[in-house]
C-alpha atoms as a PDB file:
ATOM      1  CA  MET A   1     -30.533  -0.719   1.758  1.00  0.00           C
ATOM      2  CA  SER A   2     -28.476   2.301   2.905  1.00  0.00           C
ATOM      3  CA  ILE A   3     -24.665   2.326   2.894  1.00  0.00           C
ATOM      4  CA  GLY A   4     -24.633   2.360   6.703  1.00  0.00           C
ATOM      5  CA  SER A   5     -26.881  -0.707   6.895  1.00  0.00           C
ATOM      6  CA  LEU A   6     -24.773  -2.527   4.312  1.00  0.00           C
ATOM      7  CA  LEU A   7     -21.557  -1.796   6.224  1.00  0.00           C
ATOM      8  CA  ASN A   8     -23.196  -2.903   9.479  1.00  0.00           C
ATOM      9  CA  TYR A   9     -24.309  -6.158   7.816  1.00  0.00           C
ATOM     10  CA  PHE A  10     -20.785  -6.735   6.501  1.00  0.00           C
ATOM     11  CA  TYR A  11     -19.269  -6.037   9.933  1.00  0.00           C
ATOM     12  CA  THR A  12     -21.668  -8.549  11.507  1.00  0.00           C
ATOM     13  CA  GLY A  13     -20.559 -11.164   8.964  1.00  0.00           C
ATOM     14  CA  LEU A  14     -16.848 -10.518   9.580  1.00  0.00           C
ATOM     15  CA  ASN A  15     -17.299 -10.900  13.337  1.00  0.00           C
ATOM     16  CA  SER A  16     -19.807 -13.740  13.251  1.00  0.00           C
ATOM     17  CA  SER A  17     -19.506 -16.437  15.901  1.00  0.00           C
ATOM     18  CA  ASN A  18     -20.013 -18.971  13.112  1.00  0.00           C
ATOM     19  CA  LEU A  19     -16.500 -19.787  11.850  1.00  0.00           C
ATOM     20  CA  LEU A  20     -17.627 -20.691   8.323  1.00  0.00           C
ATOM     21  CA  ILE A  21     -19.604 -17.447   7.863  1.00  0.00           C
ATOM     22  CA  SER A  22     -16.699 -15.418   9.253  1.00  0.00           C
ATOM     23  CA  ILE A  23     -14.220 -17.088   6.848  1.00  0.00           C
ATOM     24  CA  ILE A  24     -16.536 -16.462   3.885  1.00  0.00           C
ATOM     25  CA  PHE A  25     -16.854 -12.763   4.744  1.00  0.00           C
ATOM     26  CA  ILE A  26     -13.081 -12.429   5.291  1.00  0.00           C
ATOM     27  CA  ILE A  27     -12.475 -13.926   1.830  1.00  0.00           C
ATOM     28  CA  ILE A  28     -15.025 -11.511   0.320  1.00  0.00           C
ATOM     29  CA  TYR A  29     -13.352  -8.645   2.189  1.00  0.00           C
ATOM     30  CA  ALA A  30      -9.897  -9.674   0.889  1.00  0.00           C
ATOM     31  CA  ILE A  31     -11.244  -9.829  -2.686  1.00  0.00           C
ATOM     32  CA  LEU A  32     -12.828  -6.363  -2.354  1.00  0.00           C
ATOM     33  CA  ILE A  33      -9.593  -4.906  -0.953  1.00  0.00           C
ATOM     34  CA  SER A  34      -7.581  -6.507  -3.792  1.00  0.00           C
ATOM     35  CA  ILE A  35      -9.971  -5.013  -6.361  1.00  0.00           C
ATOM     36  CA  MET A  36      -9.682  -1.596  -4.699  1.00  0.00           C
ATOM     37  CA  MET A  37      -5.867  -1.847  -4.706  1.00  0.00           C
ATOM     38  CA  SER A  38      -5.857  -2.810  -8.395  1.00  0.00           C
ATOM     39  CA  ILE A  39      -8.168   0.084  -9.326  1.00  0.00           C
ATOM     40  CA  PHE A  40      -6.007   2.521  -7.364  1.00  0.00           C
ATOM     41  CA  ALA A  41      -2.772   1.239  -8.939  1.00  0.00           C
ATOM     42  CA  TYR A  42      -4.255   1.412 -12.433  1.00  0.00           C
ATOM     43  CA  MET A  43      -5.830   4.864 -12.096  1.00  0.00           C
ATOM     44  CA  PHE A  44      -2.864   6.482 -10.374  1.00  0.00           C
ATOM     45  CA  GLY A  45      -0.517   5.073 -12.972  1.00  0.00           C
ATOM     46  CA  TRP A  46      -2.617   6.940 -15.532  1.00  0.00           C
ATOM     47  CA  ILE A  47      -3.031  10.071 -13.386  1.00  0.00           C
ATOM     48  CA  GLU A  48       0.706  10.346 -12.727  1.00  0.00           C
ATOM     49  CA  ARG A  49       1.506  10.093 -16.432  1.00  0.00           C
ATOM     50  CA  LYS A  50      -1.085  12.771 -17.261  1.00  0.00           C
ATOM     51  CA  ILE A  51       0.077  15.158 -14.516  1.00  0.00           C
ATOM     52  CA  ILE A  52       3.734  14.823 -15.476  1.00  0.00           C
ATOM     53  CA  ALA A  53       2.871  15.255 -19.160  1.00  0.00           C
ATOM     54  CA  LYS A  54       0.867  18.406 -18.367  1.00  0.00           C
ATOM     55  CA  ALA A  55       3.772  19.842 -16.381  1.00  0.00           C
ATOM     56  CA  GLN A  56       6.116  19.110 -19.287  1.00  0.00           C
ATOM     57  CA  ARG A  57       3.686  20.610 -21.832  1.00  0.00           C
ATOM     58  CA  ARG A  58       2.925  17.394 -23.704  1.00  0.00           C
ATOM     59  CA  HIS A  59      -0.181  15.226 -24.091  1.00  0.00           C
ATOM     60  CA  GLY A  60       0.662  12.061 -22.196  1.00  0.00           C
ATOM     61  CA  PRO A  61      -1.571   8.992 -22.763  1.00  0.00           C
ATOM     62  CA  ASN A  62      -4.313  10.075 -25.208  1.00  0.00           C
ATOM     63  CA  ARG A  63      -4.646   7.415 -27.903  1.00  0.00           C
ATOM     64  CA  VAL A  64      -5.933   4.177 -26.366  1.00  0.00           C
ATOM     65  CA  GLY A  65      -9.442   4.674 -24.998  1.00  0.00           C
ATOM     66  CA  LYS A  66     -11.172   7.883 -23.960  1.00  0.00           C
ATOM     67  CA  TRP A  67      -8.535  10.345 -22.618  1.00  0.00           C
ATOM     68  CA  GLY A  68      -6.002   7.517 -22.889  1.00  0.00           C
ATOM     69  CA  LEU A  69      -7.613   5.616 -19.994  1.00  0.00           C
ATOM     70  CA  LEU A  70      -6.867   2.252 -21.592  1.00  0.00           C
ATOM     71  CA  GLN A  71      -3.195   3.037 -22.235  1.00  0.00           C
ATOM     72  CA  ASN A  72      -2.088   1.396 -18.999  1.00  0.00           C
ATOM     73  CA  LEU A  73      -4.083  -1.725 -19.881  1.00  0.00           C
ATOM     74  CA  ALA A  74      -2.397  -1.841 -23.289  1.00  0.00           C
ATOM     75  CA  ASP A  75       1.024  -1.442 -21.652  1.00  0.00           C
ATOM     76  CA  LEU A  76       0.224  -4.151 -19.106  1.00  0.00           C
ATOM     77  CA  ILE A  77      -0.861  -6.600 -21.826  1.00  0.00           C
ATOM     78  CA  LYS A  78       2.283  -5.780 -23.788  1.00  0.00           C
ATOM     79  CA  LEU A  79       4.536  -6.431 -20.782  1.00  0.00           C
ATOM     80  CA  ILE A  80       2.971  -9.668 -19.552  1.00  0.00           C
ATOM     81  CA  THR A  81       2.886 -11.205 -23.043  1.00  0.00           C
ATOM     82  CA  LYS A  82       6.612 -10.672 -23.630  1.00  0.00           C
ATOM     83  CA  GLU A  83       9.066 -13.504 -23.098  1.00  0.00           C
ATOM     84  CA  LYS A  84      10.043 -14.164 -19.505  1.00  0.00           C
ATOM     85  CA  ILE A  85      13.840 -14.310 -19.391  1.00  0.00           C
ATOM     86  CA  ILE A  86      15.798 -15.555 -16.395  1.00  0.00           C
ATOM     87  CA  PRO A  87      19.458 -14.356 -16.301  1.00  0.00           C
ATOM     88  CA  GLU A  88      22.023 -17.142 -16.463  1.00  0.00           C
ATOM     89  CA  ASN A  89      23.506 -16.429 -13.026  1.00  0.00           C
ATOM     90  CA  ALA A  90      20.148 -15.821 -11.341  1.00  0.00           C
ATOM     91  CA  ASP A  91      18.473 -17.893  -8.662  1.00  0.00           C
ATOM     92  CA  PRO A  92      15.045 -18.528 -10.295  1.00  0.00           C
ATOM     93  CA  LEU A  93      13.281 -19.482  -7.063  1.00  0.00           C
ATOM     94  CA  LEU A  94      14.331 -16.389  -5.098  1.00  0.00           C
ATOM     95  CA  LEU A  95      13.923 -14.120  -8.122  1.00  0.00           C
ATOM     96  CA  ASN A  96      10.304 -15.192  -8.594  1.00  0.00           C
ATOM     97  CA  LEU A  97       9.523 -15.348  -4.879  1.00  0.00           C
ATOM     98  CA  ALA A  98      10.680 -11.833  -3.890  1.00  0.00           C
ATOM     99  CA  PRO A  99       8.039  -9.781  -5.787  1.00  0.00           C
ATOM    100  CA  ILE A 100       5.276 -12.185  -4.706  1.00  0.00           C
ATOM    101  CA  LEU A 101       6.262 -11.719  -1.061  1.00  0.00           C
ATOM    102  CA  LEU A 102       6.460  -7.930  -1.501  1.00  0.00           C
ATOM    103  CA  VAL A 103       2.935  -7.895  -2.943  1.00  0.00           C
ATOM    104  CA  GLY A 104       1.842 -10.154  -0.078  1.00  0.00           C
ATOM    105  CA  ILE A 105       3.285  -7.767   2.540  1.00  0.00           C
ATOM    106  CA  VAL A 106       1.517  -4.748   1.041  1.00  0.00           C
ATOM    107  CA  THR A 107      -1.778  -6.632   0.705  1.00  0.00           C
ATOM    108  CA  PHE A 108      -1.604  -7.972   4.255  1.00  0.00           C
ATOM    109  CA  ILE A 109      -0.891  -4.507   5.674  1.00  0.00           C
ATOM    110  CA  ILE A 110      -3.865  -3.016   3.804  1.00  0.00           C
ATOM    111  CA  LEU A 111      -6.051  -5.873   5.067  1.00  0.00           C
ATOM    112  CA  LEU A 112      -5.127  -4.868   8.645  1.00  0.00           C
ATOM    113  CA  VAL A 113      -6.228  -1.278   8.013  1.00  0.00           C
ATOM    114  CA  PRO A 114      -9.738  -0.516   9.367  1.00  0.00           C
ATOM    115  CA  PHE A 115     -11.571   1.416   6.639  1.00  0.00           C
ATOM    116  CA  SER A 116     -14.426   2.321   8.972  1.00  0.00           C
ATOM    117  CA  SER A 117     -15.775   1.262  12.346  1.00  0.00           C
ATOM    118  CA  TYR A 118     -17.846  -1.339  10.469  1.00  0.00           C
ATOM    119  CA  LEU A 119     -15.384  -2.338   7.746  1.00  0.00           C
ATOM    120  CA  GLN A 120     -12.332  -4.027   9.213  1.00  0.00           C
ATOM    121  CA  ALA A 121     -11.110  -7.597   9.025  1.00  0.00           C
ATOM    122  CA  THR A 122      -9.610  -7.464  12.514  1.00  0.00           C
ATOM    123  CA  ASN A 123      -9.249  -4.987  15.363  1.00  0.00           C
ATOM    124  CA  LEU A 124      -5.864  -5.744  16.908  1.00  0.00           C
ATOM    125  CA  GLY A 125      -4.757  -3.977  20.064  1.00  0.00           C
ATOM    126  CA  LEU A 126      -1.208  -3.680  18.729  1.00  0.00           C
ATOM    127  CA  GLY A 127      -2.238  -3.275  15.091  1.00  0.00           C
ATOM    128  CA  LEU A 128       0.036  -0.284  14.456  1.00  0.00           C
ATOM    129  CA  LEU A 129       3.141  -2.045  15.755  1.00  0.00           C
ATOM    130  CA  ILE A 130       2.299  -5.229  13.832  1.00  0.00           C
ATOM    131  CA  ILE A 131       2.017  -3.247  10.583  1.00  0.00           C
ATOM    132  CA  PHE A 132       5.449  -1.686  10.989  1.00  0.00           C
ATOM    133  CA  VAL A 133       7.044  -4.964  12.060  1.00  0.00           C
ATOM    134  CA  ILE A 134       5.746  -6.498   8.817  1.00  0.00           C
ATOM    135  CA  LEU A 135       6.921  -3.446   6.869  1.00  0.00           C
ATOM    136  CA  GLY A 136      10.398  -4.020   8.309  1.00  0.00           C
ATOM    137  CA  PHE A 137      10.800  -7.099   6.081  1.00  0.00           C
ATOM    138  CA  THR A 138      10.819  -4.899   2.945  1.00  0.00           C
ATOM    139  CA  PRO A 139      14.604  -4.186   2.962  1.00  0.00           C
ATOM    140  CA  ILE A 140      15.336  -7.927   3.235  1.00  0.00           C
ATOM    141  CA  LEU A 141      13.097  -8.744   0.274  1.00  0.00           C
ATOM    142  CA  LEU A 142      14.559  -5.924  -1.832  1.00  0.00           C
ATOM    143  CA  PHE A 143      18.057  -7.260  -1.156  1.00  0.00           C
ATOM    144  CA  ILE A 144      16.949 -10.800  -2.041  1.00  0.00           C
ATOM    145  CA  ALA A 145      15.425  -9.519  -5.311  1.00  0.00           C
ATOM    146  CA  GLY A 146      18.678  -7.780  -6.287  1.00  0.00           C
ATOM    147  CA  TYR A 147      20.965 -10.593  -5.155  1.00  0.00           C
ATOM    148  CA  ALA A 148      18.887 -13.320  -6.829  1.00  0.00           C
ATOM    149  CA  SER A 149      19.088 -11.651 -10.252  1.00  0.00           C
ATOM    150  CA  GLY A 150      22.790 -12.531 -10.430  1.00  0.00           C
ATOM    151  CA  GLY A 151      23.916  -9.146 -11.799  1.00  0.00           C
ATOM    152  CA  LYS A 152      26.277  -6.734 -10.089  1.00  0.00           C
ATOM    153  CA  PHE A 153      24.213  -3.642 -10.940  1.00  0.00           C
ATOM    154  CA  ALA A 154      21.035  -5.144  -9.500  1.00  0.00           C
ATOM    155  CA  GLU A 155      22.871  -6.235  -6.369  1.00  0.00           C
ATOM    156  CA  LEU A 156      24.483  -2.809  -5.877  1.00  0.00           C
ATOM    157  CA  GLY A 157      21.093  -1.151  -6.412  1.00  0.00           C
ATOM    158  CA  ALA A 158      19.504  -3.440  -3.832  1.00  0.00           C
ATOM    159  CA  GLN A 159      22.299  -2.720  -1.332  1.00  0.00           C
ATOM    160  CA  ARG A 160      21.791   1.027  -1.716  1.00  0.00           C
ATOM    161  CA  SER A 161      18.032   0.673  -1.248  1.00  0.00           C
ATOM    162  CA  VAL A 162      18.561  -1.412   1.894  1.00  0.00           C
ATOM    163  CA  LEU A 163      21.038   1.119   3.327  1.00  0.00           C
ATOM    164  CA  MET A 164      18.533   3.904   2.765  1.00  0.00           C
ATOM    165  CA  LEU A 165      15.577   2.022   4.260  1.00  0.00           C
ATOM    166  CA  ILE A 166      17.468   0.917   7.367  1.00  0.00           C
ATOM    167  CA  SER A 167      18.680   4.472   8.089  1.00  0.00           C
ATOM    168  CA  TYR A 168      15.110   5.799   7.810  1.00  0.00           C
ATOM    169  CA  GLU A 169      13.316   3.072   9.754  1.00  0.00           C
ATOM    170  CA  ILE A 170      14.629   4.159  13.167  1.00  0.00           C
ATOM    171  CA  PRO A 171      13.098   7.679  12.974  1.00  0.00           C
ATOM    172  CA  MET A 172       9.921   6.083  11.587  1.00  0.00           C
ATOM    173  CA  ILE A 173       9.596   3.711  14.560  1.00  0.00           C
ATOM    174  CA  ILE A 174      10.179   6.587  17.009  1.00  0.00           C
ATOM    175  CA  VAL A 175       7.412   8.630  15.349  1.00  0.00           C
ATOM    176  CA  VAL A 176       5.073   5.615  15.369  1.00  0.00           C
ATOM    177  CA  ALA A 177       5.777   5.101  19.088  1.00  0.00           C
ATOM    178  CA  THR A 178       5.063   8.802  19.669  1.00  0.00           C
ATOM    179  CA  VAL A 179       1.669   8.520  17.941  1.00  0.00           C
ATOM    180  CA  GLY A 180       0.845   5.500  20.111  1.00  0.00           C
ATOM    181  CA  ILE A 181       1.828   7.394  23.269  1.00  0.00           C
ATOM    182  CA  ALA A 182      -0.322  10.387  22.284  1.00  0.00           C
ATOM    183  CA  ALA A 183      -3.323   8.122  21.599  1.00  0.00           C
ATOM    184  CA  GLY A 184      -2.728   5.930  24.639  1.00  0.00           C
ATOM    185  CA  SER A 185      -3.030   2.892  22.365  1.00  0.00           C
ATOM    186  CA  TYR A 186      -1.512   1.191  19.328  1.00  0.00           C
ATOM    187  CA  ASN A 187      -4.943   0.193  18.086  1.00  0.00           C
ATOM    188  CA  LEU A 188      -5.589   1.875  14.709  1.00  0.00           C
ATOM    189  CA  SER A 189      -9.279   2.506  15.476  1.00  0.00           C
ATOM    190  CA  SER A 190      -8.386   4.194  18.773  1.00  0.00           C
ATOM    191  CA  ILE A 191      -5.760   6.353  17.052  1.00  0.00           C
ATOM    192  CA  MET A 192      -8.325   7.565  14.502  1.00  0.00           C
ATOM    193  CA  ASN A 193     -11.043   8.167  17.101  1.00  0.00           C
ATOM    194  CA  MET A 194      -8.553  10.133  19.230  1.00  0.00           C
ATOM    195  CA  GLN A 195      -8.228  12.618  16.354  1.00  0.00           C
ATOM    196  CA  SER A 196     -11.944  13.438  16.187  1.00  0.00           C
ATOM    197  CA  SER A 197     -11.298  16.898  17.672  1.00  0.00           C
ATOM    198  CA  LEU A 198      -7.679  17.576  16.613  1.00  0.00           C
ATOM    199  CA  PHE A 199      -5.651  15.834  13.923  1.00  0.00           C
ATOM    200  CA  ASN A 200      -2.156  14.673  14.846  1.00  0.00           C
ATOM    201  CA  VAL A 201      -0.710  16.759  12.021  1.00  0.00           C
ATOM    202  CA  PHE A 202      -1.479  19.806  14.226  1.00  0.00           C
ATOM    203  CA  LEU A 203      -0.493  18.119  17.493  1.00  0.00           C
ATOM    204  CA  MET A 204       2.888  16.929  16.178  1.00  0.00           C
ATOM    205  CA  PRO A 205       3.776  18.711  12.909  1.00  0.00           C
ATOM    206  CA  ILE A 206       7.431  17.684  13.260  1.00  0.00           C
ATOM    207  CA  GLY A 207       6.355  14.055  13.541  1.00  0.00           C
ATOM    208  CA  PHE A 208       4.188  14.392  10.424  1.00  0.00           C
ATOM    209  CA  PHE A 209       7.074  15.906   8.457  1.00  0.00           C
ATOM    210  CA  ILE A 210       9.441  13.102   9.520  1.00  0.00           C
ATOM    211  CA  PHE A 211       6.914  10.353   8.796  1.00  0.00           C
ATOM    212  CA  PHE A 212       6.019  11.789   5.391  1.00  0.00           C
ATOM    213  CA  VAL A 213       9.691  12.000   4.384  1.00  0.00           C
ATOM    214  CA  VAL A 214      10.317   8.476   5.660  1.00  0.00           C
ATOM    215  CA  MET A 215       7.308   7.178   3.712  1.00  0.00           C
ATOM    216  CA  LEU A 216       8.705   8.720   0.520  1.00  0.00           C
ATOM    217  CA  ALA A 217      11.917   6.792   1.182  1.00  0.00           C
ATOM    218  CA  GLU A 218      10.037   3.614   2.073  1.00  0.00           C
ATOM    219  CA  LEU A 219       8.088   3.844  -1.196  1.00  0.00           C
ATOM    220  CA  GLU A 220      11.267   4.706  -3.173  1.00  0.00           C
ATOM    221  CA  ARG A 221       9.620   7.848  -4.501  1.00  0.00           C
ATOM    222  CA  PRO A 222      11.560  10.994  -5.516  1.00  0.00           C
ATOM    223  CA  PRO A 223      13.868  12.346  -4.168  1.00  0.00           C
ATOM    224  CA  PHE A 224      14.660   8.887  -2.751  1.00  0.00           C
ATOM    225  CA  ASP A 225      14.295   6.914  -5.992  1.00  0.00           C
ATOM    226  CA  LEU A 226      17.789   5.426  -5.916  1.00  0.00           C
ATOM    227  CA  ARG A 227      16.460   2.440  -7.812  1.00  0.00           C
ATOM    228  CA  GLU A 228      16.134   4.670 -10.876  1.00  0.00           C
ATOM    229  CA  ALA A 229      19.603   6.254 -10.681  1.00  0.00           C
ATOM    230  CA  ASP A 230      19.909   5.851 -14.449  1.00  0.00           C
ATOM    231  CA  SER A 231      23.446   7.143 -15.000  1.00  0.00           C
ATOM    232  CA  GLU A 232      24.865   4.906 -12.256  1.00  0.00           C
ATOM    233  CA  LEU A 233      22.796   1.781 -11.702  1.00  0.00           C
ATOM    234  CA  ILE A 234      20.305   1.732 -14.604  1.00  0.00           C
ATOM    235  CA  ALA A 235      17.220   0.505 -12.694  1.00  0.00           C
ATOM    236  CA  GLY A 236      18.653  -0.727  -9.405  1.00  0.00           C
ATOM    237  CA  TRP A 237      17.411  -4.130  -8.275  1.00  0.00           C
ATOM    238  CA  LEU A 238      15.165  -4.296 -11.363  1.00  0.00           C
ATOM    239  CA  THR A 239      18.044  -3.974 -13.865  1.00  0.00           C
ATOM    240  CA  ASP A 240      18.222  -7.609 -14.978  1.00  0.00           C
ATOM    241  CA  ILE A 241      14.550  -8.562 -14.949  1.00  0.00           C
ATOM    242  CA  SER A 242      12.293  -9.186 -17.949  1.00  0.00           C
ATOM    243  CA  ALA A 243       9.029  -7.489 -18.936  1.00  0.00           C
ATOM    244  CA  PRO A 244       6.481  -9.619 -16.969  1.00  0.00           C
ATOM    245  CA  TYR A 245       8.506  -9.137 -13.772  1.00  0.00           C
ATOM    246  CA  TYR A 246       8.669  -5.394 -14.477  1.00  0.00           C
ATOM    247  CA  ALA A 247       4.865  -5.255 -14.872  1.00  0.00           C
ATOM    248  CA  VAL A 248       4.503  -6.715 -11.363  1.00  0.00           C
ATOM    249  CA  ALA A 249       7.043  -4.176 -10.043  1.00  0.00           C
ATOM    250  CA  LEU A 250       5.083  -1.270 -11.574  1.00  0.00           C
ATOM    251  CA  MET A 251       1.819  -2.451 -10.009  1.00  0.00           C
ATOM    252  CA  LEU A 252       3.682  -2.946  -6.724  1.00  0.00           C
ATOM    253  CA  ASP A 253       4.924   0.665  -6.783  1.00  0.00           C
ATOM    254  CA  TYR A 254       1.406   2.073  -6.871  1.00  0.00           C
ATOM    255  CA  THR A 255      -0.048  -0.377  -4.350  1.00  0.00           C
ATOM    256  CA  ARG A 256       2.796   0.600  -2.007  1.00  0.00           C
ATOM    257  CA  MET A 257       1.899   4.260  -2.581  1.00  0.00           C
ATOM    258  CA  PHE A 258      -1.722   3.454  -1.666  1.00  0.00           C
ATOM    259  CA  MET A 259      -0.536   1.701   1.497  1.00  0.00           C
ATOM    260  CA  GLY A 260       1.722   4.620   2.465  1.00  0.00           C
ATOM    261  CA  SER A 261      -1.041   7.180   1.840  1.00  0.00           C
ATOM    262  CA  LEU A 262      -3.459   5.173   4.003  1.00  0.00           C
ATOM    263  CA  LEU A 263      -0.968   5.058   6.880  1.00  0.00           C
ATOM    264  CA  ILE A 264      -0.302   8.810   6.669  1.00  0.00           C
ATOM    265  CA  ALA A 265      -4.055   9.498   6.590  1.00  0.00           C
ATOM    266  CA  ILE A 266      -4.660   7.244   9.606  1.00  0.00           C
ATOM    267  CA  LEU A 267      -1.813   8.478  11.798  1.00  0.00           C
ATOM    268  CA  PHE A 268      -1.975  12.225  11.095  1.00  0.00           C
ATOM    269  CA  PHE A 269      -5.265  13.148   9.388  1.00  0.00           C
ATOM    270  CA  GLY A 270      -7.833  11.296  11.451  1.00  0.00           C
ATOM    271  CA  GLY A 271      -8.368   8.391   9.076  1.00  0.00           C
ATOM    272  CA  TRP A 272     -12.095   7.775   8.793  1.00  0.00           C
ATOM    273  CA  THR A 273     -13.112  10.769  10.948  1.00  0.00           C
ATOM    274  CA  GLY A 274     -15.139  13.411   9.122  1.00  0.00           C
ATOM    275  CA  PRO A 275     -18.672  14.815   8.879  1.00  0.00           C
ATOM    276  CA  TRP A 276     -21.621  13.641   6.748  1.00  0.00           C
ATOM    277  CA  LEU A 277     -19.947  10.877   4.704  1.00  0.00           C
ATOM    278  CA  PRO A 278     -19.356   7.280   5.893  1.00  0.00           C
ATOM    279  CA  GLY A 279     -15.866   6.738   7.336  1.00  0.00           C
ATOM    280  CA  ILE A 280     -14.564   4.654   4.435  1.00  0.00           C
ATOM    281  CA  PHE A 281     -15.134   7.572   2.033  1.00  0.00           C
ATOM    282  CA  TRP A 282     -13.210   9.984   4.240  1.00  0.00           C
ATOM    283  CA  LEU A 283     -10.272   7.594   4.562  1.00  0.00           C
ATOM    284  CA  ILE A 284     -10.076   6.996   0.801  1.00  0.00           C
ATOM    285  CA  ILE A 285     -10.499  10.718  -0.004  1.00  0.00           C
ATOM    286  CA  LYS A 286      -7.627  11.610   2.331  1.00  0.00           C
ATOM    287  CA  ALA A 287      -5.435   8.817   0.913  1.00  0.00           C
ATOM    288  CA  VAL A 288      -6.130   9.992  -2.662  1.00  0.00           C
ATOM    289  CA  ILE A 289      -5.235  13.616  -1.821  1.00  0.00           C
ATOM    290  CA  ILE A 290      -1.990  12.490  -0.143  1.00  0.00           C
ATOM    291  CA  SER A 291      -1.169  10.314  -3.174  1.00  0.00           C
ATOM    292  CA  LEU A 292      -1.689  13.278  -5.507  1.00  0.00           C
ATOM    293  CA  PHE A 293       0.688  15.310  -3.371  1.00  0.00           C
ATOM    294  CA  ILE A 294       3.278  12.505  -3.582  1.00  0.00           C
ATOM    295  CA  ILE A 295       2.963  12.628  -7.382  1.00  0.00           C
ATOM    296  CA  LEU A 296       3.449  16.413  -7.392  1.00  0.00           C
ATOM    297  CA  ILE A 297       6.628  16.021  -5.342  1.00  0.00           C
ATOM    298  CA  ARG A 298       8.040  13.901  -8.162  1.00  0.00           C
ATOM    299  CA  LEU A 299       7.762  16.941 -10.445  1.00  0.00           C
ATOM    300  CA  ALA A 300       9.665  19.232  -8.110  1.00  0.00           C
ATOM    301  CA  ALA A 301      12.165  16.973  -6.334  1.00  0.00           C
ATOM    302  CA  VAL A 302      15.699  16.281  -7.525  1.00  0.00           C
ATOM    303  CA  ARG A 303      17.146  12.858  -6.804  1.00  0.00           C
ATOM    304  CA  MET A 304      19.540  12.905  -3.832  1.00  0.00           C
ATOM    305  CA  ARG A 305      22.929  11.203  -3.714  1.00  0.00           C
ATOM    306  CA  ILE A 306      23.226   8.161  -1.475  1.00  0.00           C
ATOM    307  CA  ASP A 307      25.578   9.931   0.957  1.00  0.00           C
ATOM    308  CA  LYS A 308      23.197  12.869   1.353  1.00  0.00           C
ATOM    309  CA  ILE A 309      20.245  10.515   1.857  1.00  0.00           C
ATOM    310  CA  LEU A 310      22.049   8.649   4.634  1.00  0.00           C
ATOM    311  CA  LYS A 311      23.223  11.902   6.213  1.00  0.00           C
ATOM    312  CA  THR A 312      19.642  13.244   6.187  1.00  0.00           C
ATOM    313  CA  GLY A 313      18.360  10.106   7.920  1.00  0.00           C
ATOM    314  CA  TRP A 314      20.973   9.833  10.650  1.00  0.00           C
ATOM    315  CA  MET A 315      21.904  13.483  11.307  1.00  0.00           C
ATOM    316  CA  TYR A 316      18.559  15.263  10.833  1.00  0.00           C
ATOM    317  CA  LEU A 317      15.528  12.964  10.930  1.00  0.00           C
ATOM    318  CA  LEU A 318      16.716  10.859  13.886  1.00  0.00           C
ATOM    319  CA  PRO A 319      17.371  13.860  16.209  1.00  0.00           C
ATOM    320  CA  LEU A 320      14.127  15.504  15.032  1.00  0.00           C
ATOM    321  CA  SER A 321      12.171  12.346  15.835  1.00  0.00           C
ATOM    322  CA  ILE A 322      13.570  12.379  19.386  1.00  0.00           C
ATOM    323  CA  VAL A 323      12.651  16.079  19.737  1.00  0.00           C
ATOM    324  CA  ASN A 324       9.137  15.256  18.495  1.00  0.00           C
ATOM    325  CA  LEU A 325       8.871  12.466  21.090  1.00  0.00           C
ATOM    326  CA  LEU A 326       9.948  14.757  23.942  1.00  0.00           C
ATOM    327  CA  LEU A 327       7.579  17.570  22.896  1.00  0.00           C
ATOM    328  CA  THR A 328       4.669  15.152  22.620  1.00  0.00           C
ATOM    329  CA  LEU A 329       5.439  13.700  26.065  1.00  0.00           C
ATOM    330  CA  ILE A 330       5.429  17.221  27.526  1.00  0.00           C
ATOM    331  CA  ILE A 331       2.051  17.977  25.910  1.00  0.00           C
ATOM    332  CA  VAL A 332       0.460  14.639  26.827  1.00  0.00           C
ATOM    333  CA  LEU A 333       1.737  14.532  30.423  1.00  0.00           C
ATOM    334  CA  LYS A 334       1.011  18.204  31.136  1.00  0.00           C
END
């Protein structure tokens, strides 16, 4: 059976009129997506360590497994087998619930992403807006995670992360609205099909720049990694957590990077559009390349102060996003 036939069969199962068959295929689809997310998080944890080590003229992971491929597994086992400690002043329920909900948000967003015309759990008309509405809950959950730990450093770190995310979400929403206007739809499949002749990165380069910067902030990647402001706040909202919790946070970082790379690929690089290969391969290839670029930025970027981050969001990205909207309207309505 060819890949195209297999994808067509899977699509038929997902959209079956039989409720039981449809539920079974949705569960299978969710399991496959979870496996793909786990593989991505594991491999890019290893790749990032190797790239950074190479840039710093050291070996990086090279002892456990061939080329150090099993080093992350060894670290994960070490972390999850350590004692789980709850700080005395912490709220155990909220502290344990916050990372689970963050993982749930990322997983749900990725489940809404159509990986090809045949491989999608749902095809919502307002899919793009729904994704960014769900993403808007991230600052709340980060604040809950910091507040629930009961420590002042974690709470201050969470407050700074929330301030940053809120200041960057307004330009992000304007850019997302601009993409929807250019495509004439907020359906993710329509947005990707619209780019079959010209990618949005060429139609609205300013919008791509703004969205990429905002995604770096949303993912708390350098130069927006306030959570890791070591000399001031130790590890931000993760300061007072124990090893098993930290293992979940590490996996969450890379699954969030996968989610962000997918959204950038869909909105500005045509998503699944491309010659010869099935659409799912093109989408994943583009997401992997974007993720590698995000890792390279970590090598070159210097962490920004909180005041400069907020100034960049409100005084530069917000006006630029409005300019991008006006230029796109002129091009589309011409």
